[in-house]
Amino acid sequence: MKNDECIIYAKSKNKIVQTIYKTKKGWMQKSAKGNFFPMTAEQVLSHILPPLAGKSKAILEVKAKRRTSKK
């Protein structure tokens, strides 16, 4: 599986979901309010790794799912 074939969902304790995915131009984050922000690969890791290590209290759940269609 390639990076652009999956979507990462990060859910907070308030059930707010942020979506992170790869485009041709790079990584993008879609906030719960629908705003889009470009991200570097390092920023993606800094958002994902702390919750997976159990160090982040802000984000409680991280899921990755296969994309059905590319954006």
N, C-alpha and C. Protein backbone atom coordinates (compact mmCIF):
# COMPACT_ATOMS: atom_id res chain seq x y z
N MET A 1 0.85 -1.17 0.00
CA MET A 1 0.00 0.00 0.00
C MET A 1 0.89 1.24 0.00
N LYS A 2 0.53 2.19 -0.80
CA LYS A 2 1.26 3.45 -0.88
C LYS A 2 0.63 4.48 0.06
N ASN A 3 1.39 5.53 0.35
CA ASN A 3 0.90 6.58 1.26
C ASN A 3 -0.39 7.22 0.77
N ASP A 4 -0.53 7.39 -0.55
CA ASP A 4 -1.72 8.07 -1.07
C ASP A 4 -2.93 7.15 -1.17
N GLU A 5 -2.80 5.91 -0.70
CA GLU A 5 -3.91 4.96 -0.74
C GLU A 5 -4.61 4.81 0.60
N CYS A 6 -4.21 5.63 1.59
CA CYS A 6 -4.86 5.52 2.90
C CYS A 6 -5.19 6.91 3.45
N ILE A 7 -6.12 6.91 4.39
CA ILE A 7 -6.53 8.12 5.10
C ILE A 7 -6.35 7.85 6.58
N ILE A 8 -5.80 8.81 7.30
CA ILE A 8 -5.58 8.68 8.73
C ILE A 8 -6.60 9.55 9.45
N TYR A 9 -7.28 8.94 10.43
CA TYR A 9 -8.26 9.65 11.24
C TYR A 9 -7.74 9.73 12.67
N ALA A 10 -7.73 10.92 13.25
CA ALA A 10 -7.32 11.12 14.63
C ALA A 10 -8.50 11.71 15.39
N LYS A 11 -8.98 10.97 16.40
CA LYS A 11 -10.16 11.41 17.16
C LYS A 11 -9.74 11.86 18.55
N SER A 12 -10.25 13.01 18.97
CA SER A 12 -9.94 13.56 20.28
C SER A 12 -10.96 13.06 21.31
N LYS A 13 -10.70 13.39 22.57
CA LYS A 13 -11.62 12.96 23.63
C LYS A 13 -12.99 13.63 23.49
N ASN A 14 -13.06 14.75 22.77
CA ASN A 14 -14.34 15.43 22.51
C ASN A 14 -15.01 14.93 21.23
N LYS A 15 -14.50 13.82 20.69
CA LYS A 15 -15.01 13.19 19.47
C LYS A 15 -14.85 14.06 18.24
N ILE A 16 -13.86 14.93 18.26
CA ILE A 16 -13.52 15.75 17.11
C ILE A 16 -12.53 14.96 16.26
N VAL A 17 -12.83 14.84 14.97
CA VAL A 17 -12.01 14.02 14.09
C VAL A 17 -11.23 14.91 13.13
N GLN A 18 -9.92 14.67 13.06
CA GLN A 18 -9.06 15.31 12.07
C GLN A 18 -8.68 14.25 11.05
N THR A 19 -8.66 14.63 9.80
CA THR A 19 -8.33 13.70 8.73
C THR A 19 -7.01 14.12 8.09
N ILE A 20 -6.12 13.14 7.90
CA ILE A 20 -4.82 13.41 7.28
C ILE A 20 -4.67 12.46 6.10
N TYR A 21 -4.29 13.03 4.94
CA TYR A 21 -4.13 12.19 3.76
C TYR A 21 -3.07 12.79 2.84
N LYS A 22 -2.59 11.97 1.92
CA LYS A 22 -1.53 12.37 0.99
C LYS A 22 -2.13 12.72 -0.36
N THR A 23 -1.69 13.83 -0.92
CA THR A 23 -2.09 14.24 -2.27
C THR A 23 -0.83 14.26 -3.14
N LYS A 24 -1.00 14.64 -4.39
CA LYS A 24 0.16 14.75 -5.28
C LYS A 24 1.11 15.86 -4.82
N LYS A 25 0.56 16.89 -4.15
CA LYS A 25 1.37 18.02 -3.69
C LYS A 25 1.98 17.79 -2.32
N GLY A 26 1.52 16.79 -1.59
CA GLY A 26 2.04 16.53 -0.24
C GLY A 26 0.92 16.13 0.70
N TRP A 27 1.21 16.15 1.98
CA TRP A 27 0.24 15.78 3.00
C TRP A 27 -0.71 16.93 3.30
N MET A 28 -1.99 16.58 3.56
CA MET A 28 -3.01 17.58 3.91
C MET A 28 -3.72 17.13 5.16
N GLN A 29 -4.11 18.11 5.97
CA GLN A 29 -4.91 17.84 7.15
C GLN A 29 -6.23 18.58 6.98
N LYS A 30 -7.32 17.86 7.22
CA LYS A 30 -8.64 18.48 7.21
C LYS A 30 -9.11 18.54 8.65
N SER A 31 -9.37 19.74 9.13
CA SER A 31 -9.79 19.90 10.51
C SER A 31 -11.27 19.54 10.66
N ALA A 32 -11.72 19.48 11.89
CA ALA A 32 -13.12 19.17 12.16
C ALA A 32 -14.05 20.25 11.61
N LYS A 33 -13.55 21.47 11.46
CA LYS A 33 -14.35 22.57 10.92
C LYS A 33 -14.34 22.60 9.40
N GLY A 34 -13.58 21.70 8.78
CA GLY A 34 -13.53 21.64 7.33
C GLY A 34 -12.42 22.45 6.69
N ASN A 35 -11.53 23.00 7.49
CA ASN A 35 -10.39 23.76 6.96
C ASN A 35 -9.28 22.79 6.57
N PHE A 36 -8.55 23.15 5.52
CA PHE A 36 -7.46 22.31 5.03
C PHE A 36 -6.12 22.99 5.31
N PHE A 37 -5.15 22.19 5.76
CA PHE A 37 -3.83 22.70 6.08
C PHE A 37 -2.78 21.77 5.47
N PRO A 38 -1.80 22.33 4.74
CA PRO A 38 -0.71 21.48 4.24
C PRO A 38 0.18 21.05 5.41
N MET A 39 0.74 19.86 5.30
CA MET A 39 1.62 19.33 6.34
C MET A 39 2.86 18.72 5.71
N THR A 40 3.94 18.71 6.45
CA THR A 40 5.13 17.98 6.03
C THR A 40 5.03 16.57 6.60
N ALA A 41 5.86 15.68 6.11
CA ALA A 41 5.88 14.31 6.64
C ALA A 41 6.24 14.31 8.13
N GLU A 42 7.11 15.20 8.54
CA GLU A 42 7.51 15.29 9.95
C GLU A 42 6.32 15.72 10.82
N GLN A 43 5.50 16.63 10.31
CA GLN A 43 4.32 17.06 11.06
C GLN A 43 3.31 15.93 11.18
N VAL A 44 3.16 15.13 10.14
CA VAL A 44 2.26 13.98 10.20
C VAL A 44 2.71 13.04 11.30
N LEU A 45 3.99 12.74 11.33
CA LEU A 45 4.52 11.84 12.37
C LEU A 45 4.34 12.44 13.76
N SER A 46 4.55 13.73 13.91
CA SER A 46 4.41 14.34 15.23
C SER A 46 2.96 14.35 15.71
N HIS A 47 2.00 14.26 14.79
CA HIS A 47 0.60 14.16 15.16
C HIS A 47 0.20 12.72 15.48
N ILE A 48 0.82 11.76 14.82
CA ILE A 48 0.41 10.36 14.94
C ILE A 48 1.16 9.58 16.02
N LEU A 49 2.46 9.78 16.13
CA LEU A 49 3.27 8.97 17.04
C LEU A 49 2.94 9.15 18.53
N PRO A 50 2.76 10.36 19.05
CA PRO A 50 2.44 10.48 20.48
C PRO A 50 1.18 9.71 20.92
N PRO A 51 0.07 9.78 20.18
CA PRO A 51 -1.09 8.99 20.62
C PRO A 51 -0.84 7.49 20.55
N LEU A 52 -0.07 7.05 19.56
CA LEU A 52 0.22 5.62 19.45
C LEU A 52 1.11 5.15 20.60
N ALA A 53 1.95 6.03 21.11
CA ALA A 53 2.83 5.70 22.23
C ALA A 53 2.14 5.91 23.58
N GLY A 54 0.92 6.42 23.55
CA GLY A 54 0.18 6.64 24.79
C GLY A 54 0.60 7.91 25.51
N LYS A 55 1.27 8.82 24.83
CA LYS A 55 1.76 10.05 25.46
C LYS A 55 0.84 11.25 25.27
N SER A 56 -0.12 11.15 24.37
CA SER A 56 -0.98 12.30 24.07
C SER A 56 -2.34 12.11 24.73
N LYS A 57 -2.75 13.11 25.51
CA LYS A 57 -4.08 13.05 26.13
C LYS A 57 -5.11 13.77 25.27
N ALA A 58 -4.66 14.54 24.29
CA ALA A 58 -5.58 15.28 23.43
C ALA A 58 -6.20 14.36 22.38
N ILE A 59 -5.40 13.48 21.80
CA ILE A 59 -5.90 12.55 20.78
C ILE A 59 -5.93 11.16 21.39
N LEU A 60 -7.11 10.54 21.36
CA LEU A 60 -7.27 9.24 22.01
C LEU A 60 -7.26 8.07 21.05
N GLU A 61 -7.57 8.33 19.79
CA GLU A 61 -7.70 7.23 18.85
C GLU A 61 -7.15 7.63 17.49
N VAL A 62 -6.37 6.74 16.88
CA VAL A 62 -5.84 6.95 15.54
C VAL A 62 -6.18 5.73 14.70
N LYS A 63 -6.79 5.95 13.53
CA LYS A 63 -7.14 4.87 12.62
C LYS A 63 -6.64 5.20 11.23
N ALA A 64 -6.28 4.18 10.49
CA ALA A 64 -5.91 4.34 9.08
C ALA A 64 -6.80 3.40 8.28
N LYS A 65 -7.41 3.94 7.23
CA LYS A 65 -8.28 3.14 6.37
C LYS A 65 -7.87 3.30 4.93
N ARG A 66 -8.13 2.27 4.16
CA ARG A 66 -7.84 2.33 2.73
C ARG A 66 -8.79 3.31 2.06
N ARG A 67 -8.25 4.12 1.20
CA ARG A 67 -9.03 5.11 0.47
C ARG A 67 -9.84 4.43 -0.62
N THR A 68 -11.09 4.86 -0.79
CA THR A 68 -11.91 4.29 -1.86
C THR A 68 -11.70 5.05 -3.18
N SER A 69 -11.44 6.34 -3.07
CA SER A 69 -11.15 7.12 -4.27
C SER A 69 -10.13 8.18 -3.92
N LYS A 70 -9.22 8.47 -4.84
CA LYS A 70 -8.18 9.47 -4.60
C LYS A 70 -8.72 10.86 -4.80
N LYS A 71 -8.25 11.81 -3.96
CA LYS A 71 -8.66 13.22 -4.09
C LYS A 71 -7.64 13.98 -4.86
